[in-house]
PDB file of N, CA and C in Angstrom:
ATOM      1  N   UNK A   1     101.815-158.629  79.856  1.00  0.00           N
ATOM      2  CA  UNK A   1     100.626-159.402  79.586  1.00  0.00           C
ATOM      3  C   UNK A   1     100.278-159.265  78.094  1.00  0.00           C
ATOM      4  N   UNK A   2     100.210-160.349  77.379  1.00  0.00           N
ATOM      5  CA  UNK A   2     100.015-160.336  75.927  1.00  0.00           C
ATOM      6  C   UNK A   2      98.665-159.761  75.528  1.00  0.00           C
ATOM      7  N   UNK A   3      97.632-160.021  76.306  1.00  0.00           N
ATOM      8  CA  UNK A   3      96.299-159.554  75.933  1.00  0.00           C
ATOM      9  C   UNK A   3      96.248-158.029  75.837  1.00  0.00           C
ATOM     10  N   UNK A   4      96.886-157.345  76.762  1.00  0.00           N
ATOM     11  CA  UNK A   4      96.879-155.885  76.756  1.00  0.00           C
ATOM     12  C   UNK A   4      97.490-155.360  75.470  1.00  0.00           C
ATOM     13  N   UNK A   5      98.553-155.983  75.003  1.00  0.00           N
ATOM     14  CA  UNK A   5      99.203-155.551  73.770  1.00  0.00           C
ATOM     15  C   UNK A   5      98.222-155.582  72.607  1.00  0.00           C
ATOM     16  N   UNK A   6      97.424-156.603  72.516  1.00  0.00           N
ATOM     17  CA  UNK A   6      96.528-156.751  71.373  1.00  0.00           C
ATOM     18  C   UNK A   6      95.186-156.067  71.582  1.00  0.00           C
ATOM     19  N   UNK A   7      94.963-155.531  72.751  1.00  0.00           N
ATOM     20  CA  UNK A   7      93.697-154.867  73.008  1.00  0.00           C
ATOM     21  C   UNK A   7      93.694-153.421  72.538  1.00  0.00           C
ATOM     22  N   UNK A   8      94.804-152.726  72.671  1.00  0.00           N
ATOM     23  CA  UNK A   8      94.772-151.296  72.423  1.00  0.00           C
ATOM     24  C   UNK A   8      95.664-150.839  71.269  1.00  0.00           C
ATOM     25  N   UNK A   9      96.939-151.135  71.343  1.00  0.00           N
ATOM     26  CA  UNK A   9      97.889-150.550  70.402  1.00  0.00           C
ATOM     27  C   UNK A   9      98.598-151.645  69.609  1.00  0.00           C
ATOM     28  N   UNK A  10      98.708-151.412  68.312  1.00  0.00           N
ATOM     29  CA  UNK A  10      99.431-152.338  67.448  1.00  0.00           C
ATOM     30  C   UNK A  10     100.742-151.683  67.028  1.00  0.00           C
ATOM     31  N   UNK A  11     101.808-152.475  67.001  1.00  0.00           N
ATOM     32  CA  UNK A  11     103.070-151.925  66.498  1.00  0.00           C
ATOM     33  C   UNK A  11     103.136-152.138  64.990  1.00  0.00           C
ATOM     34  N   UNK A  12     104.202-151.663  64.357  1.00  0.00           N
ATOM     35  CA  UNK A  12     104.287-151.725  62.894  1.00  0.00           C
ATOM     36  C   UNK A  12     104.305-153.165  62.378  1.00  0.00           C
ATOM     37  N   UNK A  13     104.922-154.072  63.123  1.00  0.00           N
ATOM     38  CA  UNK A  13     104.944-155.479  62.703  1.00  0.00           C
ATOM     39  C   UNK A  13     103.526-156.064  62.720  1.00  0.00           C
ATOM     40  N   UNK A  14     102.749-155.726  63.759  1.00  0.00           N
ATOM     41  CA  UNK A  14     101.358-156.186  63.845  1.00  0.00           C
ATOM     42  C   UNK A  14     100.549-155.667  62.659  1.00  0.00           C
ATOM     43  N   UNK A  15     100.699-154.376  62.377  1.00  0.00           N
ATOM     44  CA  UNK A  15      99.962-153.766  61.274  1.00  0.00           C
ATOM     45  C   UNK A  15     100.335-154.382  59.939  1.00  0.00           C
ATOM     46  N   UNK A  16     101.615-154.708  59.763  1.00  0.00           N
ATOM     47  CA  UNK A  16     102.058-155.335  58.512  1.00  0.00           C
ATOM     48  C   UNK A  16     101.437-156.712  58.332  1.00  0.00           C
ATOM     49  N   UNK A  17     101.367-157.491  59.412  1.00  0.00           N
ATOM     50  CA  UNK A  17     100.735-158.813  59.340  1.00  0.00           C
ATOM     51  C   UNK A  17      99.268-158.666  58.959  1.00  0.00           C
ATOM     52  N   UNK A  18      98.570-157.780  59.647  1.00  0.00           N
ATOM     53  CA  UNK A  18      97.137-157.601  59.362  1.00  0.00           C
ATOM     54  C   UNK A  18      96.918-157.074  57.947  1.00  0.00           C
ATOM     55  N   UNK A  19      97.784-156.178  57.488  1.00  0.00           N
ATOM     56  CA  UNK A  19      97.656-155.634  56.137  1.00  0.00           C
ATOM     57  C   UNK A  19      97.847-156.717  55.087  1.00  0.00           C
ATOM     58  N   UNK A  20      98.864-157.569  55.277  1.00  0.00           N
ATOM     59  CA  UNK A  20      99.098-158.646  54.304  1.00  0.00           C
ATOM     60  C   UNK A  20      97.932-159.620  54.261  1.00  0.00           C
ATOM     61  N   UNK A  21      97.427-159.991  55.425  1.00  0.00           N
ATOM     62  CA  UNK A  21      96.282-160.915  55.479  1.00  0.00           C
ATOM     63  C   UNK A  21      95.052-160.265  54.843  1.00  0.00           C
ATOM     64  N   UNK A  22      94.806-159.018  55.176  1.00  0.00           N
ATOM     65  CA  UNK A  22      93.668-158.291  54.607  1.00  0.00           C
ATOM     66  C   UNK A  22      93.772-158.249  53.084  1.00  0.00           C
ATOM     67  N   UNK A  23      94.932-157.882  52.566  1.00  0.00           N
ATOM     68  CA  UNK A  23      95.114-157.796  51.109  1.00  0.00           C
ATOM     69  C   UNK A  23      94.944-159.156  50.442  1.00  0.00           C
ATOM     70  N   UNK A  24      95.470-160.199  51.073  1.00  0.00           N
ATOM     71  CA  UNK A  24      95.349-161.548  50.526  1.00  0.00           C
ATOM     72  C   UNK A  24      93.879-161.978  50.484  1.00  0.00           C
ATOM     73  N   UNK A  25      93.139-161.695  51.554  1.00  0.00           N
ATOM     74  CA  UNK A  25      91.726-162.061  51.600  1.00  0.00           C
ATOM     75  C   UNK A  25      90.896-161.235  50.626  1.00  0.00           C
ATOM     76  N   UNK A  26      91.241-159.967  50.454  1.00  0.00           N
ATOM     77  CA  UNK A  26      90.531-159.134  49.470  1.00  0.00           C
ATOM     78  C   UNK A  26      90.729-159.715  48.069  1.00  0.00           C
ATOM     79  N   UNK A  27      91.941-160.150  47.804  1.00  0.00           N
ATOM     80  CA  UNK A  27      92.230-160.749  46.492  1.00  0.00           C
ATOM     81  C   UNK A  27      91.447-162.054  46.326  1.00  0.00           C
ATOM     82  N   UNK A  28      91.452-162.880  47.381  1.00  0.00           N
ATOM     83  CA  UNK A  28      90.733-164.156  47.349  1.00  0.00           C
ATOM     84  C   UNK A  28      89.239-163.942  47.135  1.00  0.00           C
ATOM     85  N   UNK A  29      88.703-162.920  47.777  1.00  0.00           N
ATOM     86  CA  UNK A  29      87.267-162.647  47.701  1.00  0.00           C
ATOM     87  C   UNK A  29      86.901-161.713  46.547  1.00  0.00           C
ATOM     88  N   UNK A  30      87.922-161.297  45.822  1.00  0.00           N
ATOM     89  CA  UNK A  30      87.745-160.387  44.677  1.00  0.00           C
ATOM     90  C   UNK A  30      87.033-159.099  45.091  1.00  0.00           C
ATOM     91  N   UNK A  31      87.489-158.532  46.205  1.00  0.00           N
ATOM     92  CA  UNK A  31      86.922-157.278  46.686  1.00  0.00           C
ATOM     93  C   UNK A  31      87.703-156.110  46.108  1.00  0.00           C
ATOM     94  N   UNK A  32      87.023-155.269  45.356  1.00  0.00           N
ATOM     95  CA  UNK A  32      87.644-154.080  44.781  1.00  0.00           C
ATOM     96  C   UNK A  32      87.516-152.929  45.772  1.00  0.00           C
ATOM     97  N   UNK A  33      88.225-151.848  45.493  1.00  0.00           N
ATOM     98  CA  UNK A  33      88.150-150.672  46.361  1.00  0.00           C
ATOM     99  C   UNK A  33      86.725-150.154  46.493  1.00  0.00           C
ATOM    100  N   UNK A  34      85.921-150.346  45.461  1.00  0.00           N
ATOM    101  CA  UNK A  34      84.535-149.864  45.503  1.00  0.00           C
ATOM    102  C   UNK A  34      83.659-150.668  46.460  1.00  0.00           C
ATOM    103  N   UNK A  35      84.124-151.836  46.875  1.00  0.00           N
ATOM    104  CA  UNK A  35      83.367-152.703  47.796  1.00  0.00           C
ATOM    105  C   UNK A  35      83.656-152.296  49.245  1.00  0.00           C
ATOM    106  N   UNK A  36      83.434-151.030  49.554  1.00  0.00           N
ATOM    107  CA  UNK A  36      83.817-150.453  50.837  1.00  0.00           C
ATOM    108  C   UNK A  36      83.237-151.150  52.050  1.00  0.00           C
ATOM    109  N   UNK A  37      81.948-151.448  52.032  1.00  0.00           N
ATOM    110  CA  UNK A  37      81.315-152.067  53.196  1.00  0.00           C
ATOM    111  C   UNK A  37      81.885-153.457  53.471  1.00  0.00           C
ATOM    112  N   UNK A  38      82.079-154.229  52.412  1.00  0.00           N
ATOM    113  CA  UNK A  38      82.628-155.579  52.581  1.00  0.00           C
ATOM    114  C   UNK A  38      84.075-155.512  53.061  1.00  0.00           C
ATOM    115  N   UNK A  39      84.843-154.561  52.541  1.00  0.00           N
ATOM    116  CA  UNK A  39      86.236-154.407  52.962  1.00  0.00           C
ATOM    117  C   UNK A  39      86.314-153.972  54.423  1.00  0.00           C
ATOM    118  N   UNK A  40      85.409-153.087  54.848  1.00  0.00           N
ATOM    119  CA  UNK A  40      85.387-152.657  56.245  1.00  0.00           C
ATOM    120  C   UNK A  40      85.036-153.820  57.169  1.00  0.00           C
ATOM    121  N   UNK A  41      84.071-154.628  56.770  1.00  0.00           N
ATOM    122  CA  UNK A  41      83.687-155.790  57.579  1.00  0.00           C
ATOM    123  C   UNK A  41      84.857-156.767  57.687  1.00  0.00           C
ATOM    124  N   UNK A  42      85.561-156.966  56.585  1.00  0.00           N
ATOM    125  CA  UNK A  42      86.727-157.852  56.602  1.00  0.00           C
ATOM    126  C   UNK A  42      87.812-157.288  57.509  1.00  0.00           C
ATOM    127  N   UNK A  43      88.053-155.994  57.434  1.00  0.00           N
ATOM    128  CA  UNK A  43      89.066-155.359  58.291  1.00  0.00           C
ATOM    129  C   UNK A  43      88.704-155.546  59.765  1.00  0.00           C
ATOM    130  N   UNK A  44      87.421-155.387  60.090  1.00  0.00           N
ATOM    131  CA  UNK A  44      86.986-155.609  61.480  1.00  0.00           C
ATOM    132  C   UNK A  44      87.251-157.047  61.904  1.00  0.00           C
ATOM    133  N   UNK A  45      86.972-158.010  61.016  1.00  0.00           N
ATOM    134  CA  UNK A  45      87.211-159.421  61.345  1.00  0.00           C
ATOM    135  C   UNK A  45      88.697-159.691  61.585  1.00  0.00           C
ATOM    136  N   UNK A  46      89.552-159.108  60.743  1.00  0.00           N
ATOM    137  CA  UNK A  46      91.003-159.295  60.897  1.00  0.00           C
ATOM    138  C   UNK A  46      91.449-158.743  62.247  1.00  0.00           C
ATOM    139  N   UNK A  47      91.044-157.526  62.560  1.00  0.00           N
ATOM    140  CA  UNK A  47      91.450-156.887  63.816  1.00  0.00           C
ATOM    141  C   UNK A  47      90.905-157.653  65.016  1.00  0.00           C
ATOM    142  N   UNK A  48      89.666-158.080  64.930  1.00  0.00           N
ATOM    143  CA  UNK A  48      89.043-158.824  66.033  1.00  0.00           C
ATOM    144  C   UNK A  48      89.800-160.107  66.338  1.00  0.00           C
ATOM    145  N   UNK A  49      90.097-160.889  65.311  1.00  0.00           N
ATOM    146  CA  UNK A  49      90.843-162.131  65.535  1.00  0.00           C
ATOM    147  C   UNK A  49      92.245-161.849  66.057  1.00  0.00           C
ATOM    148  N   UNK A  50      92.883-160.822  65.535  1.00  0.00           N
ATOM    149  CA  UNK A  50      94.223-160.469  66.002  1.00  0.00           C
ATOM    150  C   UNK A  50      94.184-160.114  67.485  1.00  0.00           C
ATOM    151  N   UNK A  51      93.185-159.360  67.877  1.00  0.00           N
ATOM    152  CA  UNK A  51      93.036-158.997  69.293  1.00  0.00           C
ATOM    153  C   UNK A  51      92.764-160.209  70.167  1.00  0.00           C
ATOM    154  N   UNK A  52      92.162-161.243  69.587  1.00  0.00           N
ATOM    155  CA  UNK A  52      91.887-162.466  70.342  1.00  0.00           C
ATOM    156  C   UNK A  52      93.120-163.355  70.452  1.00  0.00           C
ATOM    157  N   UNK A  53      94.215-162.922  69.832  1.00  0.00           N
ATOM    158  CA  UNK A  53      95.461-163.663  69.965  1.00  0.00           C
ATOM    159  C   UNK A  53      95.861-164.478  68.756  1.00  0.00           C
ATOM    160  N   UNK A  54      95.086-164.425  67.679  1.00  0.00           N
ATOM    161  CA  UNK A  54      95.460-165.119  66.445  1.00  0.00           C
ATOM    162  C   UNK A  54      96.375-164.155  65.693  1.00  0.00           C
ATOM    163  N   UNK A  55      97.682-164.252  65.987  1.00  0.00           N
ATOM    164  CA  UNK A  55      98.615-163.256  65.469  1.00  0.00           C
ATOM    165  C   UNK A  55      99.554-163.785  64.397  1.00  0.00           C
ATOM    166  N   UNK A  56      99.599-165.089  64.205  1.00  0.00           N
ATOM    167  CA  UNK A  56     100.426-165.655  63.136  1.00  0.00           C
ATOM    168  C   UNK A  56      99.723-165.421  61.808  1.00  0.00           C
ATOM    169  N   UNK A  57     100.477-164.959  60.835  1.00  0.00           N
ATOM    170  CA  UNK A  57      99.891-164.595  59.540  1.00  0.00           C
ATOM    171  C   UNK A  57      99.110-165.740  58.905  1.00  0.00           C
ATOM    172  N   UNK A  58      99.709-166.919  58.861  1.00  0.00           N
ATOM    173  CA  UNK A  58      99.048-168.067  58.238  1.00  0.00           C
ATOM    174  C   UNK A  58      97.777-168.460  59.000  1.00  0.00           C
ATOM    175  N   UNK A  59      97.851-168.461  60.314  1.00  0.00           N
ATOM    176  CA  UNK A  59      96.693-168.840  61.129  1.00  0.00           C
ATOM    177  C   UNK A  59      95.558-167.824  60.971  1.00  0.00           C
ATOM    178  N   UNK A  60      95.923-166.558  60.936  1.00  0.00           N
ATOM    179  CA  UNK A  60      94.931-165.505  60.768  1.00  0.00           C
ATOM    180  C   UNK A  60      94.223-165.654  59.426  1.00  0.00           C
ATOM    181  N   UNK A  61      94.992-165.873  58.377  1.00  0.00           N
ATOM    182  CA  UNK A  61      94.395-166.056  57.050  1.00  0.00           C
ATOM    183  C   UNK A  61      93.508-167.301  57.011  1.00  0.00           C
ATOM    184  N   UNK A  62      94.007-168.407  57.563  1.00  0.00           N
ATOM    185  CA  UNK A  62      93.233-169.648  57.537  1.00  0.00           C
ATOM    186  C   UNK A  62      91.921-169.503  58.287  1.00  0.00           C
ATOM    187  N   UNK A  63      91.949-168.861  59.450  1.00  0.00           N
ATOM    188  CA  UNK A  63      90.719-168.701  60.227  1.00  0.00           C
ATOM    189  C   UNK A  63      89.687-167.885  59.454  1.00  0.00           C
ATOM    190  N   UNK A  64      90.126-166.826  58.815  1.00  0.00           N
ATOM    191  CA  UNK A  64      89.189-165.978  58.079  1.00  0.00           C
ATOM    192  C   UNK A  64      88.758-166.628  56.781  1.00  0.00           C
ATOM    193  N   UNK A  65      89.612-167.387  56.191  1.00  0.00           N
ATOM    194  CA  UNK A  65      89.251-168.093  54.972  1.00  0.00           C
ATOM    195  C   UNK A  65      88.222-169.174  55.292  1.00  0.00           C
ATOM    196  N   UNK A  66      88.398-169.879  56.389  1.00  0.00           N
ATOM    197  CA  UNK A  66      87.436-170.893  56.815  1.00  0.00           C
ATOM    198  C   UNK A  66      86.114-170.248  57.185  1.00  0.00           C
ATOM    199  N   UNK A  67      86.168-169.091  57.824  1.00  0.00           N
ATOM    200  CA  UNK A  67      84.958-168.377  58.200  1.00  0.00           C
ATOM    201  C   UNK A  67      84.154-168.033  56.957  1.00  0.00           C
ATOM    202  N   UNK A  68      84.823-167.622  55.925  1.00  0.00           N
ATOM    203  CA  UNK A  68      84.150-167.288  54.671  1.00  0.00           C
ATOM    204  C   UNK A  68      83.470-168.519  54.088  1.00  0.00           C
ATOM    205  N   UNK A  69      84.198-169.653  54.068  1.00  0.00           N
ATOM    206  CA  UNK A  69      83.612-170.877  53.514  1.00  0.00           C
ATOM    207  C   UNK A  69      82.405-171.313  54.337  1.00  0.00           C
ATOM    208  N   UNK A  70      82.492-171.179  55.661  1.00  0.00           N
ATOM    209  CA  UNK A  70      81.377-171.577  56.522  1.00  0.00           C
ATOM    210  C   UNK A  70      80.166-170.686  56.284  1.00  0.00           C
ATOM    211  N   UNK A  71      80.395-169.378  56.140  1.00  0.00           N
ATOM    212  CA  UNK A  71      79.279-168.457  55.873  1.00  0.00           C
ATOM    213  C   UNK A  71      78.639-168.769  54.530  1.00  0.00           C
ATOM    214  N   UNK A  72      79.473-169.033  53.521  1.00  0.00           N
ATOM    215  CA  UNK A  72      78.940-169.329  52.187  1.00  0.00           C
ATOM    216  C   UNK A  72      78.131-170.605  52.189  1.00  0.00           C
ATOM    217  N   UNK A  73      78.618-171.650  52.862  1.00  0.00           N
ATOM    218  CA  UNK A  73      77.878-172.902  52.851  1.00  0.00           C
ATOM    219  C   UNK A  73      76.598-172.771  53.671  1.00  0.00           C
ATOM    220  N   UNK A  74      76.592-171.947  54.707  1.00  0.00           N
ATOM    221  CA  UNK A  74      75.371-171.720  55.481  1.00  0.00           C
ATOM    222  C   UNK A  74      74.353-170.956  54.645  1.00  0.00           C
ATOM    223  N   UNK A  75      74.819-169.996  53.845  1.00  0.00           N
ATOM    224  CA  UNK A  75      73.915-169.229  52.992  1.00  0.00           C
ATOM    225  C   UNK A  75      73.353-170.091  51.862  1.00  0.00           C
ATOM    226  N   UNK A  76      74.144-171.030  51.384  1.00  0.00           N
ATOM    227  CA  UNK A  76      73.731-171.861  50.262  1.00  0.00           C
ATOM    228  C   UNK A  76      73.039-173.145  50.703  1.00  0.00           C
ATOM    229  N   UNK A  77      72.928-173.346  52.030  1.00  0.00           N
ATOM    230  CA  UNK A  77      72.316-174.558  52.552  1.00  0.00           C
ATOM    231  C   UNK A  77      70.817-174.519  52.297  1.00  0.00           C
ATOM    232  N   UNK A  78      70.315-175.579  51.741  1.00  0.00           N
ATOM    233  CA  UNK A  78      68.881-175.674  51.523  1.00  0.00           C
ATOM    234  C   UNK A  78      68.355-176.789  52.409  1.00  0.00           C
ATOM    235  N   UNK A  79      67.480-176.425  53.312  1.00  0.00           N
ATOM    236  CA  UNK A  79      66.925-177.412  54.233  1.00  0.00           C
ATOM    237  C   UNK A  79      66.054-178.396  53.462  1.00  0.00           C
ATOM    238  N   UNK A  80      66.097-179.661  53.860  1.00  0.00           N
ATOM    239  CA  UNK A  80      65.250-180.643  53.182  1.00  0.00           C
ATOM    240  C   UNK A  80      63.777-180.335  53.423  1.00  0.00           C
ATOM    241  N   UNK A  81      62.981-180.604  52.415  1.00  0.00           N
ATOM    242  CA  UNK A  81      61.536-180.386  52.526  1.00  0.00           C
ATOM    243  C   UNK A  81      60.913-181.522  53.319  1.00  0.00           C
ATOM    244  N   UNK A  82      59.851-181.220  54.050  1.00  0.00           N
ATOM    245  CA  UNK A  82      59.199-182.285  54.822  1.00  0.00           C
ATOM    246  C   UNK A  82      58.798-183.443  53.908  1.00  0.00           C
ATOM    247  N   UNK A  83      59.124-184.633  54.335  1.00  0.00           N
ATOM    248  CA  UNK A  83      58.789-185.822  53.564  1.00  0.00           C
ATOM    249  C   UNK A  83      59.728-186.053  52.397  1.00  0.00           C
ATOM    250  N   UNK A  84      60.726-185.197  52.265  1.00  0.00           N
ATOM    251  CA  UNK A  84      61.649-185.311  51.136  1.00  0.00           C
ATOM    252  C   UNK A  84      62.783-186.277  51.363  1.00  0.00           C
ATOM    253  N   UNK A  85      62.936-186.749  52.590  1.00  0.00           N
ATOM    254  CA  UNK A  85      64.021-187.686  52.890  1.00  0.00           C
ATOM    255  C   UNK A  85      63.515-189.110  52.751  1.00  0.00           C
ATOM    256  N   UNK A  86      64.357-189.948  52.190  1.00  0.00           N
ATOM    257  CA  UNK A  86      63.996-191.369  52.065  1.00  0.00           C
ATOM    258  C   UNK A  86      64.089-192.016  53.438  1.00  0.00           C
ATOM    259  N   UNK A  87      63.208-192.952  53.730  1.00  0.00           N
ATOM    260  CA  UNK A  87      63.284-193.638  55.023  1.00  0.00           C
ATOM    261  C   UNK A  87      64.554-194.466  55.100  1.00  0.00           C
ATOM    262  N   UNK A  88      65.060-194.588  56.304  1.00  0.00           N
ATOM    263  CA  UNK A  88      66.285-195.350  56.522  1.00  0.00           C
ATOM    264  C   UNK A  88      65.981-196.841  56.419  1.00  0.00           C
ATOM    265  N   UNK A  89      66.746-197.528  55.574  1.00  0.00           N
ATOM    266  CA  UNK A  89      66.555-198.986  55.429  1.00  0.00           C
ATOM    267  C   UNK A  89      67.872-199.670  55.776  1.00  0.00           C
ATOM    268  N   UNK A  90      67.888-200.399  56.873  1.00  0.00           N
ATOM    269  CA  UNK A  90      69.151-201.071  57.259  1.00  0.00           C
ATOM    270  C   UNK A  90      69.507-202.233  56.352  1.00  0.00           C
TER     271      UNK A  90
END
């Protein structure tokens, strides 16, 4: 059963995939060794997705990269002010 494999124990190939994705994302996000909390959160995200079955290196990276973009755009989203929208004119 594939789920059991990803729930408890990772083999060396699994660890290598997660390490490469983690390192690539750290580079993309410009996370230095001193950014311990952010690196730990990223490591948890990598492991969590891997356990959910996202085990292909490219897919794992893409999912986490998209997650980052979604979080950033949500943080930078500014809700329109009341009355700030122009009325719709057909």
